């Protein structure tokens, strides 16, 4: 039995198939084993699984038969490695390897065991699980390119001041990622979706329809006025990591209004903060967790982000980290947040969408 309630961090034209390789299997004793043939040139893979039940990754086994990942090691741990271990939705995303220290891909047959569970955490037999596989061939984990589609929700493109602020924020985002060898490639589009965006961590059929129209190597970012009719969300990532194929959670959402400050007008600092928010949420989508959660009782599974246990110390030690869970502000200004450690950088570069 596995039970967990964990909130997630929280137009377009296709050039190739959105789900380039897929297969189906049925669970036996609650799990289905997906076999992946890895060639010598492949350096990472992403598995997106879908079913009528909740899904989670049980284990990963390398070609020698060694189990390099097991759910019990991470399910209740106070350090977070991947959301794929938790049965949160009917779609699941696993990117492997995650950190530099995790088992590198060797040529041969890898096995990913996928569990189907009900809302009580009980394993379910006879569930059809559809899997989609994408692989990465880039062996350079210090330099790469990532493609993002920025889709304006209804009415956003009509406000020249907002569009100008978004474009300036993207320039800040480019600066942040350039420091870790990530070349951001952005294209803009408009989307038929209301400007009050859904909370993407819970899934959205509208978002799935938009995601279907992007290329299979692009991350979708939707910018609207608000998220979930609230002013508290600067941005939300659909999953950690997020999929490159179509699912109800295949997007990052950004609220321009929340990022524009109390007066609703963009200052230079507001623009900088929005650019850092864009980089932060998309980095979640590429597999990064907060170095410390706001409870100060859980951390990322990264050795070189320092561990801390209260707001004062954490803000002092980690407040400049891009993935810190909230802006660190005084009465006059907010601290720039752009730093990433070597291991955080390695996680971002191992995301299958980085080529």
Protein backbone atom coordinates (compact mmCIF):
# COMPACT_ATOMS: atom_id res chain seq x y z
CA UNK A 1 0.00 0.00 0.00
CA UNK A 2 1.24 3.48 -0.84
CA UNK A 3 -0.59 6.61 0.22
CA UNK A 4 0.68 10.16 -0.16
CA UNK A 5 -0.78 13.62 -0.61
CA UNK A 6 1.85 15.99 -1.96
CA UNK A 7 1.09 19.16 -3.94
CA UNK A 8 3.33 19.66 -6.96
CA UNK A 9 5.49 22.73 -7.17
CA UNK A 10 3.36 24.42 -6.68
CA UNK A 11 -1.60 27.94 -32.10
CA UNK A 12 0.95 25.89 -32.61
CA UNK A 13 2.12 23.42 -35.28
CA UNK A 14 3.59 19.94 -35.15
CA UNK A 15 6.82 19.12 -36.90
CA UNK A 16 6.94 15.47 -35.82
CA UNK A 17 4.87 12.92 -33.97
CA UNK A 18 4.10 13.98 -30.39
CA UNK A 19 4.45 10.41 -29.12
CA UNK A 20 7.25 8.94 -31.26
CA UNK A 21 7.34 5.48 -29.67
CA UNK A 22 4.59 3.83 -27.65
CA UNK A 23 3.49 0.42 -26.40
CA UNK A 24 0.86 -1.06 -24.09
CA UNK A 25 0.90 -3.73 -21.40
CA UNK A 26 -1.39 -4.98 -18.65
CA UNK A 27 -0.48 -5.08 -14.97
CA UNK A 28 0.12 -8.41 -13.25
CA UNK A 29 0.30 -8.33 -9.44
CA UNK A 30 -0.22 -4.61 -9.77
CA UNK A 31 2.75 -3.78 -11.97
CA UNK A 32 3.80 -3.79 -15.61
CA UNK A 33 7.40 -4.06 -16.79
CA UNK A 34 8.44 -1.81 -19.65
CA UNK A 35 11.62 -2.95 -21.42
CA UNK A 36 13.83 -0.33 -23.06
CA UNK A 37 16.54 -1.21 -25.55
CA UNK A 38 19.36 1.26 -25.08
CA UNK A 39 22.05 1.71 -27.71
CA UNK A 40 25.63 2.85 -27.10
CA UNK A 41 24.87 6.39 -28.27
CA UNK A 42 21.91 7.02 -25.94
CA UNK A 43 22.56 8.90 -22.70
CA UNK A 44 19.10 9.34 -21.12
CA UNK A 45 15.52 8.20 -21.58
CA UNK A 46 12.11 9.52 -20.66
CA UNK A 47 9.12 7.26 -20.04
CA UNK A 48 5.64 8.77 -19.99
CA UNK A 49 2.98 6.31 -18.86
CA UNK A 50 -0.81 6.68 -18.91
CA UNK A 51 -3.64 4.53 -17.54
CA UNK A 52 -7.08 4.70 -15.95
CA UNK A 53 -5.56 4.32 -12.47
CA UNK A 54 -2.90 6.21 -10.55
CA UNK A 55 0.63 5.39 -11.69
CA UNK A 56 4.08 5.37 -10.09
CA UNK A 57 7.53 3.95 -10.77
CA UNK A 58 8.30 0.87 -8.67
CA UNK A 59 11.83 0.15 -9.85
CA UNK A 60 14.48 0.57 -12.53
CA UNK A 61 16.77 -2.35 -13.42
CA UNK A 62 19.92 -2.00 -15.51
CA UNK A 63 21.10 -4.48 -18.20
CA UNK A 64 23.20 -6.42 -15.66
CA UNK A 65 20.09 -7.10 -13.56
CA UNK A 66 20.98 -4.62 -10.81
CA UNK A 67 18.05 -2.65 -9.38
CA UNK A 68 19.34 0.94 -9.51
CA UNK A 69 16.12 2.56 -8.27
CA UNK A 70 13.49 1.22 -5.87
CA UNK A 71 10.39 3.03 -4.70
CA UNK A 72 10.75 2.22 -0.99
CA UNK A 73 14.04 4.11 -0.87
CA UNK A 74 12.29 7.35 -1.87
CA UNK A 75 8.58 7.10 -1.17
CA UNK A 76 8.61 8.47 2.39
CA UNK A 77 12.11 9.95 2.34
CA UNK A 78 12.64 13.57 3.36
CA UNK A 79 14.75 14.11 0.25
CA UNK A 80 13.01 14.27 -3.13
CA UNK A 81 14.48 12.75 -6.29
CA UNK A 82 11.51 12.40 -8.67
CA UNK A 83 7.73 12.74 -8.49
CA UNK A 84 7.50 9.50 -10.48
CA UNK A 85 7.70 7.57 -7.19
CA UNK A 86 4.37 8.98 -5.94
CA UNK A 87 0.96 7.87 -7.35
CA UNK A 88 -0.37 11.37 -7.93
CA UNK A 89 -2.19 11.09 -11.27
CA UNK A 90 -3.09 8.79 -14.14
CA UNK A 91 0.00 9.96 -16.01
CA UNK A 92 3.57 9.41 -14.80
CA UNK A 93 6.88 10.76 -16.09
CA UNK A 94 10.31 9.27 -15.40
CA UNK A 95 13.58 10.70 -16.72
CA UNK A 96 16.69 8.56 -16.17
CA UNK A 97 19.43 9.10 -15.13
CA UNK A 98 18.55 12.03 -12.88
CA UNK A 99 21.76 13.05 -11.08
CA UNK A 100 25.39 12.63 -12.10
CA UNK A 101 25.73 9.97 -9.39
CA UNK A 102 22.84 7.84 -10.69
CA UNK A 103 23.51 4.83 -12.89
CA UNK A 104 24.63 6.00 -16.31
CA UNK A 105 22.96 4.37 -19.31
CA UNK A 106 24.71 1.23 -20.50
CA UNK A 107 23.82 -0.41 -23.78
CA UNK A 108 21.37 -3.25 -23.34
CA UNK A 109 17.89 -3.88 -21.95
CA UNK A 110 16.70 -1.64 -19.14
CA UNK A 111 13.48 -2.44 -17.27
CA UNK A 112 11.11 0.07 -15.71
CA UNK A 113 8.49 -1.47 -13.43
CA UNK A 114 5.35 0.67 -13.34
CA UNK A 115 2.74 0.29 -10.58
CA UNK A 116 -0.98 0.87 -11.05
CA UNK A 117 -2.71 1.88 -7.82
CA UNK A 118 -6.10 3.05 -6.64
CA UNK A 119 -6.72 6.08 -4.44
CA UNK A 120 -6.19 3.96 -1.32
CA UNK A 121 -2.71 3.01 -2.51
CA UNK A 122 -3.62 -0.59 -3.34
CA UNK A 123 -2.04 -2.28 -6.36
CA UNK A 124 -4.43 -2.96 -9.24
CA UNK A 125 -4.31 -5.99 -11.58
CA UNK A 126 -5.47 -5.99 -15.17
CA UNK A 127 -4.87 -2.27 -15.79
CA UNK A 128 -3.81 -1.32 -19.30
CA UNK A 129 -0.73 0.91 -19.15
CA UNK A 130 0.34 2.80 -22.26
CA UNK A 131 3.96 3.92 -22.33
CA UNK A 132 5.75 6.42 -24.55
CA UNK A 133 9.53 6.45 -24.87
CA UNK A 134 11.87 9.28 -25.83
CA UNK A 135 15.65 9.12 -25.68
CA UNK A 136 18.55 11.55 -25.55
CA UNK A 137 21.76 11.11 -27.55
CA UNK A 138 23.65 14.19 -26.38
CA UNK A 139 26.57 13.09 -24.18
CA UNK A 140 27.63 16.62 -23.19
CA UNK A 141 26.02 17.35 -19.81
CA UNK A 142 27.51 20.85 -19.59
CA UNK A 143 26.22 22.44 -22.79
CA UNK A 144 22.87 22.01 -24.51
CA UNK A 145 19.75 23.53 -26.03
CA UNK A 146 16.17 23.45 -24.78
CA UNK A 147 13.14 24.54 -26.80
CA UNK A 148 10.14 26.30 -25.23
CA UNK A 149 6.86 27.48 -26.77
CA UNK A 150 5.45 30.49 -24.93
CA UNK A 151 1.70 30.56 -25.57
CA UNK A 152 -0.26 33.70 -24.67
CA UNK A 153 -3.70 32.98 -23.23
CA UNK A 154 -6.67 34.93 -24.58
CA UNK A 155 -6.18 38.68 -24.40
CA UNK A 156 -2.56 38.66 -23.25
CA UNK A 157 -1.13 39.50 -26.66
CA UNK A 158 -3.41 42.56 -26.84
CA UNK A 159 -1.63 44.28 -23.93
CA UNK A 160 1.59 45.74 -25.32
CA UNK A 161 2.98 46.52 -21.85
CA UNK A 162 2.52 42.93 -20.69
CA UNK A 163 3.99 41.49 -23.88
CA UNK A 164 6.99 43.80 -23.57
CA UNK A 165 7.52 42.74 -19.96
CA UNK A 166 7.30 39.07 -20.92
CA UNK A 167 9.89 39.49 -23.65
CA UNK A 168 12.22 41.33 -21.26
CA UNK A 169 11.69 38.59 -18.65
CA UNK A 170 12.62 35.95 -21.23
CA UNK A 171 15.89 37.84 -21.78
CA UNK A 172 16.60 37.51 -18.04
CA UNK A 173 15.71 33.81 -18.22
CA UNK A 174 18.20 33.39 -21.07
CA UNK A 175 20.91 35.04 -18.93
CA UNK A 176 20.23 32.73 -15.99
CA UNK A 177 20.40 29.55 -18.04
CA UNK A 178 23.41 30.71 -20.08
CA UNK A 179 25.39 30.57 -16.83
CA UNK A 180 24.88 26.78 -16.72
CA UNK A 181 25.38 26.12 -20.42
CA UNK A 182 21.71 25.97 -21.43
CA UNK A 183 20.77 27.73 -24.66
CA UNK A 184 17.10 28.72 -24.50
CA UNK A 185 15.24 28.63 -27.82
CA UNK A 186 11.84 30.35 -27.56
CA UNK A 187 9.00 30.78 -30.02
CA UNK A 188 5.80 32.67 -29.26
CA UNK A 189 2.23 31.70 -30.07
CA UNK A 190 -1.35 32.45 -29.05
CA UNK A 191 -3.62 29.90 -27.46
CA UNK A 192 -7.39 29.45 -27.23
CA UNK A 193 -7.50 29.20 -23.47
CA UNK A 194 -9.01 31.58 -20.92
CA UNK A 195 -6.58 33.94 -19.23
CA UNK A 196 -7.50 32.53 -15.82
CA UNK A 197 -5.44 29.36 -16.15
CA UNK A 198 -6.16 26.01 -14.47
CA UNK A 199 -3.91 24.65 -11.72
CA UNK A 200 -1.83 22.49 -14.02
CA UNK A 201 -0.65 20.09 -11.29
CA UNK A 202 -4.21 18.71 -11.22
CA UNK A 203 -4.35 18.28 -15.01
CA UNK A 204 -6.39 20.01 -17.69
CA UNK A 205 -7.97 18.78 -20.92
CA UNK A 206 -7.52 22.27 -22.39
CA UNK A 207 -3.80 22.12 -21.68
CA UNK A 208 -3.60 18.64 -23.20
CA UNK A 209 -5.18 19.97 -26.40
CA UNK A 210 -2.60 22.76 -26.57
CA UNK A 211 0.27 20.41 -25.80
CA UNK A 212 -0.84 18.18 -28.67
CA UNK A 213 -0.01 21.02 -31.03
CA UNK A 214 3.63 21.42 -29.96
CA UNK A 215 6.64 19.52 -31.25
CA UNK A 216 7.91 16.47 -29.38
CA UNK A 217 11.06 18.30 -28.25
CA UNK A 218 9.35 21.45 -26.92
CA UNK A 219 8.19 22.45 -23.44
CA UNK A 220 4.90 24.34 -23.41
CA UNK A 221 4.67 27.46 -21.22
CA UNK A 222 1.26 29.16 -21.03
CA UNK A 223 1.07 32.75 -19.76
CA UNK A 224 -2.23 34.05 -18.47
CA UNK A 225 -3.53 36.64 -16.03
CA UNK A 226 -4.07 34.33 -13.05
CA UNK A 227 -3.64 30.70 -12.07
CA UNK A 228 -6.58 28.91 -10.42
CA UNK A 229 -8.34 32.31 -10.03
CA UNK A 230 -5.77 33.23 -7.37
CA UNK A 231 -3.07 35.90 -7.14
CA UNK A 232 -0.71 33.73 -5.06
CA UNK A 233 0.78 31.60 -7.84
CA UNK A 234 3.66 33.19 -9.73
CA UNK A 235 4.01 30.00 -11.76
CA UNK A 236 3.33 26.26 -11.62
CA UNK A 237 5.05 23.26 -13.20
CA UNK A 238 2.77 20.43 -14.29
CA UNK A 239 5.09 17.73 -12.97
CA UNK A 240 8.65 17.06 -11.76
CA UNK A 241 9.84 16.15 -14.30
CA UNK A 242 7.32 17.05 -16.96
CA UNK A 243 6.62 15.16 -20.16
CA UNK A 244 7.52 16.16 -23.71
CA UNK A 245 4.43 14.38 -25.04
CA UNK A 246 0.77 15.19 -24.53
CA UNK A 247 -0.72 14.66 -21.08
CA UNK A 248 -3.14 16.78 -19.03
CA UNK A 249 -0.11 18.11 -17.09
CA UNK A 250 2.25 18.80 -20.00
CA UNK A 251 2.90 22.48 -19.40
CA UNK A 252 4.31 25.21 -17.22
CA UNK A 253 1.90 28.03 -16.38
CA UNK A 254 2.83 31.61 -15.49
CA UNK A 255 0.65 34.40 -14.07
CA UNK A 256 1.76 37.75 -15.44
CA UNK A 257 -0.43 39.57 -12.92
CA UNK A 258 1.14 37.90 -9.86
CA UNK A 259 4.57 38.73 -11.28
CA UNK A 260 3.70 42.41 -11.89
CA UNK A 261 3.65 43.38 -8.22
CA UNK A 262 0.98 44.95 -6.04
CA UNK A 263 0.34 47.79 -8.48
CA UNK A 264 -0.11 45.54 -11.52
CA UNK A 265 2.58 47.44 -13.43
CA UNK A 266 5.97 45.98 -14.24
CA UNK A 267 9.04 47.58 -12.69
CA UNK A 268 12.55 46.57 -13.67
CA UNK A 269 12.70 44.33 -10.60
CA UNK A 270 9.29 42.79 -11.38
CA UNK A 271 10.60 41.85 -14.83
CA UNK A 272 13.73 40.31 -13.35
CA UNK A 273 11.66 38.31 -10.88
CA UNK A 274 9.35 37.06 -13.65
CA UNK A 275 12.35 35.92 -15.70
CA UNK A 276 13.68 34.03 -12.69
CA UNK A 277 10.20 32.56 -12.10
CA UNK A 278 10.13 31.31 -15.70
CA UNK A 279 13.55 29.71 -15.25
CA UNK A 280 12.53 28.28 -11.84
CA UNK A 281 9.30 26.64 -13.00
CA UNK A 282 10.82 25.26 -16.19
CA UNK A 283 13.70 23.86 -14.14
CA UNK A 284 11.09 22.03 -12.04
CA UNK A 285 9.74 20.65 -15.32
CA UNK A 286 13.25 19.43 -16.12
CA UNK A 287 13.51 17.58 -12.81
CA UNK A 288 14.73 20.01 -10.15
CA UNK A 289 13.10 20.25 -6.73
CA UNK A 290 13.42 23.06 -4.20
CA UNK A 291 16.66 22.73 -2.21
CA UNK A 292 14.47 23.03 0.89
CA UNK A 293 10.69 22.99 1.15
CA UNK A 294 8.81 25.71 3.02
CA UNK A 295 8.18 23.28 5.89
CA UNK A 296 11.98 23.18 6.33
CA UNK A 297 11.58 19.44 6.92
CA UNK A 298 12.24 18.17 3.37
CA UNK A 299 15.01 18.77 0.85
CA UNK A 300 16.13 17.85 -2.64
CA UNK A 301 18.24 14.70 -3.13
CA UNK A 302 21.27 16.79 -4.06
CA UNK A 303 24.53 16.57 -2.14
CA UNK A 304 25.80 20.06 -2.90
CA UNK A 305 22.74 22.07 -1.82
CA UNK A 306 23.27 22.77 1.86
CA UNK A 307 20.72 21.44 4.34
CA UNK A 308 19.02 23.92 6.65
CA UNK A 309 16.05 23.79 9.00
CA UNK A 310 14.60 27.28 9.47
CA UNK A 311 13.75 30.33 7.39
CA UNK A 312 16.52 32.61 8.65
CA UNK A 313 19.34 30.15 8.04
CA UNK A 314 17.86 28.82 4.78
CA UNK A 315 17.43 32.30 3.32
CA UNK A 316 21.03 33.12 4.23
CA UNK A 317 22.46 29.87 2.85
CA UNK A 318 20.19 29.24 -0.15
CA UNK A 319 18.29 32.46 -0.84
CA UNK A 320 20.20 33.11 -4.05
CA UNK A 321 19.52 29.65 -5.47
CA UNK A 322 17.23 29.64 -8.51
CA UNK A 323 15.18 26.82 -6.98
CA UNK A 324 14.62 28.41 -3.55
CA UNK A 325 10.87 28.05 -2.88
CA UNK A 326 10.02 31.76 -2.59
CA UNK A 327 11.48 35.20 -3.32
CA UNK A 328 13.65 36.59 -0.52
CA UNK A 329 12.68 40.23 -0.20
CA UNK A 330 13.31 43.20 2.08
CA UNK A 331 11.24 46.38 2.25
CA UNK A 332 13.29 47.79 -0.62
CA UNK A 333 14.13 44.94 -2.98
CA UNK A 334 14.25 41.20 -3.60
CA UNK A 335 17.42 39.13 -3.78
CA UNK A 336 18.37 37.91 -7.27
CA UNK A 337 17.89 34.14 -7.54
CA UNK A 338 19.96 32.60 -10.29
CA UNK A 339 22.52 30.26 -8.72
CA UNK A 340 22.56 26.52 -9.38
CA UNK A 341 25.01 24.00 -7.97
CA UNK A 342 26.99 21.58 -10.10
CA UNK A 343 24.62 18.70 -9.34
CA UNK A 344 21.51 20.81 -9.99
CA UNK A 345 23.08 21.78 -13.31
CA UNK A 346 23.76 18.11 -14.07
CA UNK A 347 20.12 17.22 -13.41
CA UNK A 348 18.91 19.90 -15.83
CA UNK A 349 21.30 18.70 -18.54
CA UNK A 350 20.19 15.08 -18.16
CA UNK A 351 16.60 15.98 -19.01
CA UNK A 352 15.78 14.23 -22.27
CA UNK A 353 14.55 17.45 -23.89
CA UNK A 354 17.99 19.03 -23.66
CA UNK A 355 19.93 18.30 -26.84
